[in-house]
Amino acid sequence: RKLCDRGIFQNQKGVVSSILTKQEFYAIQGDGIIEKGFEGSLPA
């Protein structure tokens, strides 16, 4: 329920599936790391 509330997964009629794929999820995490740790600079 917590992860569905965060928009990562969905549970529809007892079938669980992802809203974000694993790659999409970790790409978003990477964006945050680059933004926070490297001032948004991919080359850095």
PDB file of all heavy atoms in Angstrom:
ATOM      1  N   ARG A   1       0.827  -1.203   0.000  1.00  0.00           N
ATOM      2  CA  ARG A   1       0.000   0.000   0.000  1.00  0.00           C
ATOM      3  C   ARG A   1       0.866   1.260   0.000  1.00  0.00           C
ATOM      4  O   ARG A   1       0.606   2.212  -0.736  1.00  0.00           O
ATOM      5  CB  ARG A   1      -0.949   0.011   1.205  1.00  0.00           C
ATOM      6  CG  ARG A   1      -1.916   1.178   1.171  1.00  0.00           C
ATOM      7  CD  ARG A   1      -2.927   1.249   2.285  1.00  0.00           C
ATOM      8  NE  ARG A   1      -2.701   0.733   3.598  1.00  0.00           N
ATOM      9  CZ  ARG A   1      -1.756   1.063   4.504  1.00  0.00           C
ATOM     10  NH1 ARG A   1      -0.875   1.891   4.234  1.00  0.00           N
ATOM     11  NH2 ARG A   1      -1.667   0.568   5.684  1.00  0.00           N
ATOM     12  N   LYS A   2       1.930   1.258   0.821  1.00  0.00           N
ATOM     13  CA  LYS A   2       2.818   2.428   0.876  1.00  0.00           C
ATOM     14  C   LYS A   2       3.472   2.688  -0.483  1.00  0.00           C
ATOM     15  O   LYS A   2       3.575   3.836  -0.922  1.00  0.00           O
ATOM     16  CB  LYS A   2       3.902   2.227   1.937  1.00  0.00           C
ATOM     17  CG  LYS A   2       3.381   2.332   3.351  1.00  0.00           C
ATOM     18  CD  LYS A   2       4.493   2.113   4.344  1.00  0.00           C
ATOM     19  CE  LYS A   2       3.965   2.154   5.774  1.00  0.00           C
ATOM     20  NZ  LYS A   2       5.029   1.934   6.759  1.00  0.00           N
ATOM     21  N   LEU A   3       3.923   1.632  -1.137  1.00  0.00           N
ATOM     22  CA  LEU A   3       4.598   1.817  -2.425  1.00  0.00           C
ATOM     23  C   LEU A   3       3.610   2.155  -3.535  1.00  0.00           C
ATOM     24  O   LEU A   3       3.970   2.841  -4.495  1.00  0.00           O
ATOM     25  CB  LEU A   3       5.439   0.592  -2.766  1.00  0.00           C
ATOM     26  CG  LEU A   3       6.572   0.285  -1.771  1.00  0.00           C
ATOM     27  CD1 LEU A   3       7.455  -0.835  -2.282  1.00  0.00           C
ATOM     28  CD2 LEU A   3       7.404   1.513  -1.446  1.00  0.00           C
ATOM     29  N   CYS A   4       2.368   1.705  -3.387  1.00  0.00           N
ATOM     30  CA  CYS A   4       1.327   2.123  -4.335  1.00  0.00           C
ATOM     31  C   CYS A   4       1.014   3.601  -4.136  1.00  0.00           C
ATOM     32  O   CYS A   4       0.859   4.346  -5.113  1.00  0.00           O
ATOM     33  CB  CYS A   4       0.069   1.275  -4.154  1.00  0.00           C
ATOM     34  SG  CYS A   4       0.207  -0.420  -4.775  1.00  0.00           S
ATOM     35  N   ASP A   5       0.945   4.029  -2.884  1.00  0.00           N
ATOM     36  CA  ASP A   5       0.691   5.446  -2.584  1.00  0.00           C
ATOM     37  C   ASP A   5       1.796   6.347  -3.124  1.00  0.00           C
ATOM     38  O   ASP A   5       1.548   7.501  -3.467  1.00  0.00           O
ATOM     39  CB  ASP A   5       0.547   5.670  -1.072  1.00  0.00           C
ATOM     40  CG  ASP A   5      -0.740   5.088  -0.508  1.00  0.00           C
ATOM     41  OD1 ASP A   5      -1.647   4.726  -1.293  1.00  0.00           O
ATOM     42  OD2 ASP A   5      -0.833   4.977   0.739  1.00  0.00           O
ATOM     43  N   ARG A   6       3.009   5.830  -3.210  1.00  0.00           N
ATOM     44  CA  ARG A   6       4.142   6.608  -3.748  1.00  0.00           C
ATOM     45  C   ARG A   6       4.157   6.615  -5.271  1.00  0.00           C
ATOM     46  O   ARG A   6       4.985   7.282  -5.888  1.00  0.00           O
ATOM     47  CB  ARG A   6       5.466   6.038  -3.251  1.00  0.00           C
ATOM     48  CG  ARG A   6       5.684   6.243  -1.776  1.00  0.00           C
ATOM     49  CD  ARG A   6       7.057   5.754  -1.399  1.00  0.00           C
ATOM     50  NE  ARG A   6       7.135   5.502   0.030  1.00  0.00           N
ATOM     51  CZ  ARG A   6       8.103   4.805   0.604  1.00  0.00           C
ATOM     52  NH1 ARG A   6       9.089   4.306  -0.109  1.00  0.00           N
ATOM     53  NH2 ARG A   6       8.097   4.611   1.898  1.00  0.00           N
ATOM     54  N   GLY A   7       3.278   5.837  -5.898  1.00  0.00           N
ATOM     55  CA  GLY A   7       3.197   5.828  -7.353  1.00  0.00           C
ATOM     56  C   GLY A   7       4.204   4.920  -8.024  1.00  0.00           C
ATOM     57  O   GLY A   7       4.480   5.075  -9.216  1.00  0.00           O
ATOM     58  N   ILE A   8       4.727   3.945  -7.297  1.00  0.00           N
ATOM     59  CA  ILE A   8       5.698   3.017  -7.881  1.00  0.00           C
ATOM     60  C   ILE A   8       4.993   1.775  -8.418  1.00  0.00           C
ATOM     61  O   ILE A   8       5.331   1.265  -9.489  1.00  0.00           O
ATOM     62  CB  ILE A   8       6.772   2.640  -6.847  1.00  0.00           C
ATOM     63  CG1 ILE A   8       7.493   3.904  -6.356  1.00  0.00           C
ATOM     64  CG2 ILE A   8       7.770   1.636  -7.435  1.00  0.00           C
ATOM     65  CD1 ILE A   8       8.400   3.690  -5.155  1.00  0.00           C
ATOM     66  N   PHE A   9       3.997   1.286  -7.658  1.00  0.00           N
ATOM     67  CA  PHE A   9       3.244   0.093  -8.041  1.00  0.00           C
ATOM     68  C   PHE A   9       1.757   0.377  -8.001  1.00  0.00           C
ATOM     69  O   PHE A   9       1.316   1.402  -7.475  1.00  0.00           O
ATOM     70  CB  PHE A   9       3.579  -1.080  -7.092  1.00  0.00           C
ATOM     71  CG  PHE A   9       5.013  -1.485  -7.138  1.00  0.00           C
ATOM     72  CD1 PHE A   9       5.868  -1.182  -6.094  1.00  0.00           C
ATOM     73  CD2 PHE A   9       5.524  -2.151  -8.238  1.00  0.00           C
ATOM     74  CE1 PHE A   9       7.205  -1.539  -6.141  1.00  0.00           C
ATOM     75  CE2 PHE A   9       6.857  -2.508  -8.294  1.00  0.00           C
ATOM     76  CZ  PHE A   9       7.709  -2.208  -7.238  1.00  0.00           C
ATOM     77  N   GLN A  10       0.992  -0.559  -8.551  1.00  0.00           N
ATOM     78  CA  GLN A  10      -0.456  -0.490  -8.472  1.00  0.00           C
ATOM     79  C   GLN A  10      -1.002  -1.885  -8.183  1.00  0.00           C
ATOM     80  O   GLN A  10      -0.382  -2.880  -8.550  1.00  0.00           O
ATOM     81  CB  GLN A  10      -1.057   0.066  -9.765  1.00  0.00           C
ATOM     82  CG  GLN A  10      -0.733  -0.759 -11.000  1.00  0.00           C
ATOM     83  CD  GLN A  10      -1.183  -0.073 -12.270  1.00  0.00           C
ATOM     84  OE1 GLN A  10      -1.842   0.953 -12.232  1.00  0.00           O
ATOM     85  NE2 GLN A  10      -0.835  -0.645 -13.411  1.00  0.00           N
ATOM     86  N   ASN A  11      -2.118  -1.924  -7.496  1.00  0.00           N
ATOM     87  CA  ASN A  11      -2.787  -3.176  -7.176  1.00  0.00           C
ATOM     88  C   ASN A  11      -4.219  -3.046  -7.664  1.00  0.00           C
ATOM     89  O   ASN A  11      -5.043  -2.402  -7.030  1.00  0.00           O
ATOM     90  CB  ASN A  11      -2.742  -3.438  -5.666  1.00  0.00           C
ATOM     91  CG  ASN A  11      -3.319  -4.782  -5.287  1.00  0.00           C
ATOM     92  OD1 ASN A  11      -3.753  -5.557  -6.135  1.00  0.00           O
ATOM     93  ND2 ASN A  11      -3.324  -5.070  -4.001  1.00  0.00           N
ATOM     94  N   GLN A  12      -4.479  -3.624  -8.825  1.00  0.00           N
ATOM     95  CA  GLN A  12      -5.805  -3.518  -9.429  1.00  0.00           C
ATOM     96  C   GLN A  12      -6.460  -4.883  -9.475  1.00  0.00           C
ATOM     97  O   GLN A  12      -5.942  -5.804 -10.124  1.00  0.00           O
ATOM     98  CB  GLN A  12      -5.713  -2.929 -10.831  1.00  0.00           C
ATOM     99  CG  GLN A  12      -5.211  -1.496 -10.835  1.00  0.00           C
ATOM    100  CD  GLN A  12      -5.185  -0.907 -12.225  1.00  0.00           C
ATOM    101  OE1 GLN A  12      -5.010  -1.610 -13.208  1.00  0.00           O
ATOM    102  NE2 GLN A  12      -5.363   0.403 -12.303  1.00  0.00           N
ATOM    103  N   LYS A  13      -7.557  -4.999  -8.752  1.00  0.00           N
ATOM    104  CA  LYS A  13      -8.332  -6.242  -8.694  1.00  0.00           C
ATOM    105  C   LYS A  13      -7.456  -7.423  -8.293  1.00  0.00           C
ATOM    106  O   LYS A  13      -7.553  -8.511  -8.858  1.00  0.00           O
ATOM    107  CB  LYS A  13      -9.037  -6.502 -10.027  1.00  0.00           C
ATOM    108  CG  LYS A  13     -10.045  -5.427 -10.384  1.00  0.00           C
ATOM    109  CD  LYS A  13     -10.751  -5.735 -11.675  1.00  0.00           C
ATOM    110  CE  LYS A  13     -11.731  -4.613 -11.977  1.00  0.00           C
ATOM    111  NZ  LYS A  13     -12.438  -4.833 -13.233  1.00  0.00           N
ATOM    112  N   GLY A  14      -6.551  -7.182  -7.348  1.00  0.00           N
ATOM    113  CA  GLY A  14      -5.706  -8.255  -6.829  1.00  0.00           C
ATOM    114  C   GLY A  14      -4.506  -8.605  -7.682  1.00  0.00           C
ATOM    115  O   GLY A  14      -3.828  -9.603  -7.425  1.00  0.00           O
ATOM    116  N   VAL A  15      -4.228  -7.805  -8.696  1.00  0.00           N
ATOM    117  CA  VAL A  15      -3.043  -8.029  -9.540  1.00  0.00           C
ATOM    118  C   VAL A  15      -2.110  -6.840  -9.369  1.00  0.00           C
ATOM    119  O   VAL A  15      -2.491  -5.695  -9.608  1.00  0.00           O
ATOM    120  CB  VAL A  15      -3.428  -8.210 -11.027  1.00  0.00           C
ATOM    121  CG1 VAL A  15      -2.173  -8.368 -11.885  1.00  0.00           C
ATOM    122  CG2 VAL A  15      -4.347  -9.415 -11.197  1.00  0.00           C
ATOM    123  N   VAL A  16      -0.897  -7.141  -8.950  1.00  0.00           N
ATOM    124  CA  VAL A  16       0.104  -6.114  -8.670  1.00  0.00           C
ATOM    125  C   VAL A  16       1.016  -5.970  -9.881  1.00  0.00           C
ATOM    126  O   VAL A  16       1.510  -6.966 -10.430  1.00  0.00           O
ATOM    127  CB  VAL A  16       0.924  -6.479  -7.415  1.00  0.00           C
ATOM    128  CG1 VAL A  16       1.988  -5.427  -7.138  1.00  0.00           C
ATOM    129  CG2 VAL A  16       0.007  -6.661  -6.204  1.00  0.00           C
ATOM    130  N   SER A  17       1.245  -4.724 -10.285  1.00  0.00           N
ATOM    131  CA  SER A  17       2.177  -4.435 -11.379  1.00  0.00           C
ATOM    132  C   SER A  17       2.818  -3.079 -11.111  1.00  0.00           C
ATOM    133  O   SER A  17       2.390  -2.328 -10.247  1.00  0.00           O
ATOM    134  CB  SER A  17       1.450  -4.430 -12.724  1.00  0.00           C
ATOM    135  OG  SER A  17       0.448  -3.446 -12.743  1.00  0.00           O
ATOM    136  N   SER A  18       3.845  -2.799 -11.880  1.00  0.00           N
ATOM    137  CA  SER A  18       4.567  -1.550 -11.654  1.00  0.00           C
ATOM    138  C   SER A  18       3.967  -0.413 -12.465  1.00  0.00           C
ATOM    139  O   SER A  18       3.441  -0.617 -13.551  1.00  0.00           O
ATOM    140  CB  SER A  18       6.047  -1.715 -12.003  1.00  0.00           C
ATOM    141  OG  SER A  18       6.195  -2.027 -13.371  1.00  0.00           O
ATOM    142  N   ILE A  19       4.038   0.761 -11.885  1.00  0.00           N
ATOM    143  CA  ILE A  19       3.755   1.993 -12.621  1.00  0.00           C
ATOM    144  C   ILE A  19       5.076   2.479 -13.205  1.00  0.00           C
ATOM    145  O   ILE A  19       5.145   2.930 -14.342  1.00  0.00           O
ATOM    146  CB  ILE A  19       3.118   3.050 -11.693  1.00  0.00           C
ATOM    147  CG1 ILE A  19       1.737   2.571 -11.241  1.00  0.00           C
ATOM    148  CG2 ILE A  19       3.037   4.407 -12.390  1.00  0.00           C
ATOM    149  CD1 ILE A  19       1.078   3.446 -10.196  1.00  0.00           C
ATOM    150  N   LEU A  20       6.134   2.354 -12.406  1.00  0.00           N
ATOM    151  CA  LEU A  20       7.491   2.663 -12.856  1.00  0.00           C
ATOM    152  C   LEU A  20       8.268   1.364 -12.993  1.00  0.00           C
ATOM    153  O   LEU A  20       8.273   0.550 -12.070  1.00  0.00           O
ATOM    154  CB  LEU A  20       8.212   3.548 -11.826  1.00  0.00           C
ATOM    155  CG  LEU A  20       7.669   4.943 -11.577  1.00  0.00           C
ATOM    156  CD1 LEU A  20       8.428   5.599 -10.421  1.00  0.00           C
ATOM    157  CD2 LEU A  20       7.775   5.788 -12.827  1.00  0.00           C
ATOM    158  N   THR A  21       8.928   1.169 -14.116  1.00  0.00           N
ATOM    159  CA  THR A  21       9.802   0.006 -14.237  1.00  0.00           C
ATOM    160  C   THR A  21      10.998   0.201 -13.308  1.00  0.00           C
ATOM    161  O   THR A  21      11.255   1.318 -12.829  1.00  0.00           O
ATOM    162  CB  THR A  21      10.318  -0.162 -15.679  1.00  0.00           C
ATOM    163  OG1 THR A  21      11.167   0.956 -15.989  1.00  0.00           O
ATOM    164  CG2 THR A  21       9.183  -0.277 -16.682  1.00  0.00           C
ATOM    165  N   LYS A  22      11.727  -0.856 -13.089  1.00  0.00           N
ATOM    166  CA  LYS A  22      12.928  -0.767 -12.254  1.00  0.00           C
ATOM    167  C   LYS A  22      13.895   0.256 -12.842  1.00  0.00           C
ATOM    168  O   LYS A  22      14.468   1.080 -12.120  1.00  0.00           O
ATOM    169  CB  LYS A  22      13.586  -2.145 -12.155  1.00  0.00           C
ATOM    170  CG  LYS A  22      14.750  -2.208 -11.215  1.00  0.00           C
ATOM    171  CD  LYS A  22      15.248  -3.649 -11.089  1.00  0.00           C
ATOM    172  CE  LYS A  22      16.334  -3.770 -10.037  1.00  0.00           C
ATOM    173  NZ  LYS A  22      16.729  -5.168  -9.822  1.00  0.00           N
ATOM    174  N   GLN A  23      14.068   0.244 -14.152  1.00  0.00           N
ATOM    175  CA  GLN A  23      14.981   1.181 -14.811  1.00  0.00           C
ATOM    176  C   GLN A  23      14.494   2.618 -14.666  1.00  0.00           C
ATOM    177  O   GLN A  23      15.293   3.524 -14.418  1.00  0.00           O
ATOM    178  CB  GLN A  23      15.149   0.805 -16.291  1.00  0.00           C
ATOM    179  CG  GLN A  23      15.905  -0.487 -16.520  1.00  0.00           C
ATOM    180  CD  GLN A  23      15.064  -1.745 -16.271  1.00  0.00           C
ATOM    181  OE1 GLN A  23      13.840  -1.716 -16.157  1.00  0.00           O
ATOM    182  NE2 GLN A  23      15.741  -2.877 -16.157  1.00  0.00           N
ATOM    183  N   GLU A  24      13.195   2.837 -14.832  1.00  0.00           N
ATOM    184  CA  GLU A  24      12.650   4.191 -14.673  1.00  0.00           C
ATOM    185  C   GLU A  24      12.837   4.677 -13.243  1.00  0.00           C
ATOM    186  O   GLU A  24      13.220   5.837 -13.022  1.00  0.00           O
ATOM    187  CB  GLU A  24      11.161   4.211 -15.023  1.00  0.00           C
ATOM    188  CG  GLU A  24      10.876   4.040 -16.493  1.00  0.00           C
ATOM    189  CD  GLU A  24       9.399   3.794 -16.791  1.00  0.00           C
ATOM    190  OE1 GLU A  24       8.666   3.266 -15.927  1.00  0.00           O
ATOM    191  OE2 GLU A  24       8.986   4.139 -17.908  1.00  0.00           O
ATOM    192  N   PHE A  25      12.578   3.808 -12.275  1.00  0.00           N
ATOM    193  CA  PHE A  25      12.721   4.181 -10.874  1.00  0.00           C
ATOM    194  C   PHE A  25      14.160   4.610 -10.578  1.00  0.00           C
ATOM    195  O   PHE A  25      14.400   5.666 -10.007  1.00  0.00           O
ATOM    196  CB  PHE A  25      12.317   3.025  -9.952  1.00  0.00           C
ATOM    197  CG  PHE A  25      12.566   3.324  -8.511  1.00  0.00           C
ATOM    198  CD1 PHE A  25      11.679   4.091  -7.786  1.00  0.00           C
ATOM    199  CD2 PHE A  25      13.714   2.872  -7.880  1.00  0.00           C
ATOM    200  CE1 PHE A  25      11.914   4.396  -6.448  1.00  0.00           C
ATOM    201  CE2 PHE A  25      13.963   3.167  -6.556  1.00  0.00           C
ATOM    202  CZ  PHE A  25      13.065   3.935  -5.834  1.00  0.00           C
ATOM    203  N   TYR A  26      15.127   3.782 -10.995  1.00  0.00           N
ATOM    204  CA  TYR A  26      16.517   4.105 -10.689  1.00  0.00           C
ATOM    205  C   TYR A  26      17.045   5.263 -11.526  1.00  0.00           C
ATOM    206  O   TYR A  26      17.947   5.982 -11.088  1.00  0.00           O
ATOM    207  CB  TYR A  26      17.397   2.857 -10.774  1.00  0.00           C
ATOM    208  CG  TYR A  26      17.163   1.980  -9.559  1.00  0.00           C
ATOM    209  CD1 TYR A  26      16.460   0.790  -9.650  1.00  0.00           C
ATOM    210  CD2 TYR A  26      17.593   2.387  -8.296  1.00  0.00           C
ATOM    211  CE1 TYR A  26      16.212   0.019  -8.510  1.00  0.00           C
ATOM    212  CE2 TYR A  26      17.346   1.620  -7.171  1.00  0.00           C
ATOM    213  CZ  TYR A  26      16.659   0.441  -7.282  1.00  0.00           C
ATOM    214  OH  TYR A  26      16.410  -0.308  -6.150  1.00  0.00           O
ATOM    215  N   ALA A  27      16.464   5.495 -12.695  1.00  0.00           N
ATOM    216  CA  ALA A  27      16.834   6.685 -13.477  1.00  0.00           C
ATOM    217  C   ALA A  27      16.415   7.948 -12.729  1.00  0.00           C
ATOM    218  O   ALA A  27      17.168   8.930 -12.688  1.00  0.00           O
ATOM    219  CB  ALA A  27      16.183   6.642 -14.863  1.00  0.00           C
ATOM    220  N   ILE A  28      15.237   7.909 -12.109  1.00  0.00           N
ATOM    221  CA  ILE A  28      14.787   9.048 -11.306  1.00  0.00           C
ATOM    222  C   ILE A  28      15.724   9.256 -10.118  1.00  0.00           C
ATOM    223  O   ILE A  28      16.072  10.386  -9.772  1.00  0.00           O
ATOM    224  CB  ILE A  28      13.332   8.843 -10.847  1.00  0.00           C
ATOM    225  CG1 ILE A  28      12.391   8.925 -12.051  1.00  0.00           C
ATOM    226  CG2 ILE A  28      12.926   9.862  -9.785  1.00  0.00           C
ATOM    227  CD1 ILE A  28      10.978   8.448 -11.779  1.00  0.00           C
ATOM    228  N   GLN A  29      16.167   8.148  -9.500  1.00  0.00           N
ATOM    229  CA  GLN A  29      17.110   8.251  -8.390  1.00  0.00           C
ATOM    230  C   GLN A  29      18.421   8.882  -8.868  1.00  0.00           C
ATOM    231  O   GLN A  29      19.000   9.727  -8.190  1.00  0.00           O
ATOM    232  CB  GLN A  29      17.403   6.867  -7.785  1.00  0.00           C
ATOM    233  CG  GLN A  29      16.198   6.171  -7.205  1.00  0.00           C
ATOM    234  CD  GLN A  29      15.479   6.996  -6.177  1.00  0.00           C
ATOM    235  OE1 GLN A  29      16.045   7.341  -5.165  1.00  0.00           O
ATOM    236  NE2 GLN A  29      14.240   7.325  -6.459  1.00  0.00           N
ATOM    237  N   GLY A  30      18.871   8.476 -10.047  1.00  0.00           N
ATOM    238  CA  GLY A  30      20.093   9.029 -10.612  1.00  0.00           C
ATOM    239  C   GLY A  30      19.970  10.523 -10.884  1.00  0.00           C
ATOM    240  O   GLY A  30      20.907  11.295 -10.641  1.00  0.00           O
ATOM    241  N   ASP A  31      18.796  10.937 -11.360  1.00  0.00           N
ATOM    242  CA  ASP A  31      18.562  12.368 -11.588  1.00  0.00           C
ATOM    243  C   ASP A  31      18.752  13.150 -10.291  1.00  0.00           C
ATOM    244  O   ASP A  31      19.370  14.213 -10.283  1.00  0.00           O
ATOM    245  CB  ASP A  31      17.141  12.617 -12.110  1.00  0.00           C
ATOM    246  CG  ASP A  31      16.928  12.105 -13.522  1.00  0.00           C
ATOM    247  OD1 ASP A  31      17.920  11.811 -14.217  1.00  0.00           O
ATOM    248  OD2 ASP A  31      15.751  12.003 -13.922  1.00  0.00           O
ATOM    249  N   GLY A  32      18.224  12.604  -9.197  1.00  0.00           N
ATOM    250  CA  GLY A  32      18.349  13.279  -7.902  1.00  0.00           C
ATOM    251  C   GLY A  32      19.780  13.371  -7.439  1.00  0.00           C
ATOM    252  O   GLY A  32      20.223  14.393  -6.910  1.00  0.00           O
ATOM    253  N   ILE A  33      20.541  12.306  -7.648  1.00  0.00           N
ATOM    254  CA  ILE A  33      21.953  12.297  -7.250  1.00  0.00           C
ATOM    255  C   ILE A  33      22.738  13.336  -8.050  1.00  0.00           C
ATOM    256  O   ILE A  33      23.525  14.106  -7.503  1.00  0.00           O
ATOM    257  CB  ILE A  33      22.561  10.894  -7.433  1.00  0.00           C
ATOM    258  CG1 ILE A  33      21.964   9.935  -6.394  1.00  0.00           C
ATOM    259  CG2 ILE A  33      24.090  10.921  -7.332  1.00  0.00           C
ATOM    260  CD1 ILE A  33      22.262   8.470  -6.660  1.00  0.00           C
ATOM    261  N   ILE A  34      22.500  13.364  -9.347  1.00  0.00           N
ATOM    262  CA  ILE A  34      23.207  14.322 -10.202  1.00  0.00           C
ATOM    263  C   ILE A  34      22.811  15.749  -9.834  1.00  0.00           C
ATOM    264  O   ILE A  34      23.658  16.638  -9.747  1.00  0.00           O
ATOM    265  CB  ILE A  34      22.946  14.022 -11.694  1.00  0.00           C
ATOM    266  CG1 ILE A  34      23.623  12.696 -12.061  1.00  0.00           C
ATOM    267  CG2 ILE A  34      23.433  15.158 -12.582  1.00  0.00           C
ATOM    268  CD1 ILE A  34      23.223  12.142 -13.413  1.00  0.00           C
ATOM    269  N   GLU A  35      21.529  15.958  -9.577  1.00  0.00           N
ATOM    270  CA  GLU A  35      21.044  17.299  -9.233  1.00  0.00           C
ATOM    271  C   GLU A  35      21.637  17.771  -7.906  1.00  0.00           C
ATOM    272  O   GLU A  35      22.149  18.883  -7.799  1.00  0.00           O
ATOM    273  CB  GLU A  35      19.511  17.302  -9.183  1.00  0.00           C
ATOM    274  CG  GLU A  35      18.914  18.677  -9.131  1.00  0.00           C
ATOM    275  CD  GLU A  35      19.255  19.528 -10.349  1.00  0.00           C
ATOM    276  OE1 GLU A  35      19.257  19.030 -11.483  1.00  0.00           O
ATOM    277  OE2 GLU A  35      19.552  20.724 -10.146  1.00  0.00           O
ATOM    278  N   LYS A  36      21.578  16.914  -6.892  1.00  0.00           N
ATOM    279  CA  LYS A  36      22.028  17.310  -5.554  1.00  0.00           C
ATOM    280  C   LYS A  36      23.543  17.300  -5.417  1.00  0.00           C
ATOM    281  O   LYS A  36      24.125  18.208  -4.839  1.00  0.00           O
ATOM    282  CB  LYS A  36      21.425  16.378  -4.497  1.00  0.00           C
ATOM    283  CG  LYS A  36      19.945  16.577  -4.299  1.00  0.00           C
ATOM    284  CD  LYS A  36      19.396  15.605  -3.272  1.00  0.00           C
ATOM    285  CE  LYS A  36      17.887  15.716  -3.178  1.00  0.00           C
ATOM    286  NZ  LYS A  36      17.315  14.679  -2.324  1.00  0.00           N
ATOM    287  N   GLY A  37      24.178  16.260  -5.920  1.00  0.00           N
ATOM    288  CA  GLY A  37      25.611  16.106  -5.684  1.00  0.00           C
ATOM    289  C   GLY A  37      26.512  16.761  -6.704  1.00  0.00           C
ATOM    290  O   GLY A  37      27.684  17.015  -6.422  1.00  0.00           O
ATOM    291  N   PHE A  38      25.965  17.045  -7.893  1.00  0.00           N
ATOM    292  CA  PHE A  38      26.813  17.565  -8.962  1.00  0.00           C
ATOM    293  C   PHE A  38      26.197  18.790  -9.634  1.00  0.00           C
ATOM    294  O   PHE A  38      26.504  19.100 -10.776  1.00  0.00           O
ATOM    295  CB  PHE A  38      27.084  16.453  -9.990  1.00  0.00           C
ATOM    296  CG  PHE A  38      27.793  15.277  -9.394  1.00  0.00           C
ATOM    297  CD1 PHE A  38      27.079  14.200  -8.892  1.00  0.00           C
ATOM    298  CD2 PHE A  38      29.174  15.256  -9.286  1.00  0.00           C
ATOM    299  CE1 PHE A  38      27.719  13.120  -8.312  1.00  0.00           C
ATOM    300  CE2 PHE A  38      29.828  14.183  -8.706  1.00  0.00           C
ATOM    301  CZ  PHE A  38      29.094  13.110  -8.219  1.00  0.00           C
ATOM    302  N   GLU A  39      25.320  19.478  -8.893  1.00  0.00           N
ATOM    303  CA  GLU A  39      24.672  20.699  -9.366  1.00  0.00           C
ATOM    304  C   GLU A  39      24.037  20.522 -10.746  1.00  0.00           C
ATOM    305  O   GLU A  39      24.060  21.421 -11.581  1.00  0.00           O
ATOM    306  CB  GLU A  39      25.661  21.864  -9.348  1.00  0.00           C
ATOM    307  CG  GLU A  39      26.174  22.164  -7.950  1.00  0.00           C
ATOM    308  CD  GLU A  39      27.233  23.242  -7.915  1.00  0.00           C
ATOM    309  OE1 GLU A  39      27.609  23.771  -8.975  1.00  0.00           O
ATOM    310  OE2 GLU A  39      27.671  23.553  -6.793  1.00  0.00           O
ATOM    311  N   GLY A  40      23.501  19.322 -10.982  1.00  0.00           N
ATOM    312  CA  GLY A  40      22.817  19.048 -12.234  1.00  0.00           C
ATOM    313  C   GLY A  40      23.726  18.765 -13.412  1.00  0.00           C
ATOM    314  O   GLY A  40      23.252  18.631 -14.541  1.00  0.00           O
ATOM    315  N   SER A  41      25.018  18.647 -13.183  1.00  0.00           N
ATOM    316  CA  SER A  41      25.968  18.463 -14.280  1.00  0.00           C
ATOM    317  C   SER A  41      26.280  16.981 -14.503  1.00  0.00           C
ATOM    318  O   SER A  41      26.975  16.354 -13.704  1.00  0.00           O
ATOM    319  CB  SER A  41      27.267  19.212 -13.979  1.00  0.00           C
ATOM    320  OG  SER A  41      28.256  18.867 -14.924  1.00  0.00           O
ATOM    321  N   LEU A  42      25.782  16.453 -15.608  1.00  0.00           N
ATOM    322  CA  LEU A  42      26.097  15.074 -15.964  1.00  0.00           C
ATOM    323  C   LEU A  42      27.593  14.890 -16.244  1.00  0.00           C
ATOM    324  O   LEU A  42      28.182  13.911 -15.786  1.00  0.00           O
ATOM    325  CB  LEU A  42      25.251  14.620 -17.162  1.00  0.00           C
ATOM    326  CG  LEU A  42      25.467  13.175 -17.621  1.00  0.00           C
ATOM    327  CD1 LEU A  42      25.181  12.181 -16.506  1.00  0.00           C
ATOM    328  CD2 LEU A  42      24.587  12.893 -18.831  1.00  0.00           C
ATOM    329  N   PRO A  43      28.254  15.825 -16.948  1.00  0.00           N
ATOM    330  CA  PRO A  43      29.703  15.669 -17.132  1.00  0.00           C
ATOM    331  C   PRO A  43      30.468  15.625 -15.804  1.00  0.00           C
ATOM    332  O   PRO A  43      31.416  14.841 -15.666  1.00  0.00           O
ATOM    333  CB  PRO A  43      30.091  16.902 -17.964  1.00  0.00           C
ATOM    334  CG  PRO A  43      28.854  17.228 -18.731  1.00  0.00           C
ATOM    335  CD  PRO A  43      27.729  16.929 -17.767  1.00  0.00           C
ATOM    336  N   ALA A  44      30.069  16.425 -14.819  1.00  0.00           N
ATOM    337  CA  ALA A  44      30.743  16.391 -13.513  1.00  0.00           C
ATOM    338  C   ALA A  44      30.531  15.037 -12.836  1.00  0.00           C
ATOM    339  O   ALA A  44      31.453  14.474 -12.238  1.00  0.00           O
ATOM    340  CB  ALA A  44      30.235  17.520 -12.618  1.00  0.00           C
TER     341      ALA A  44
END
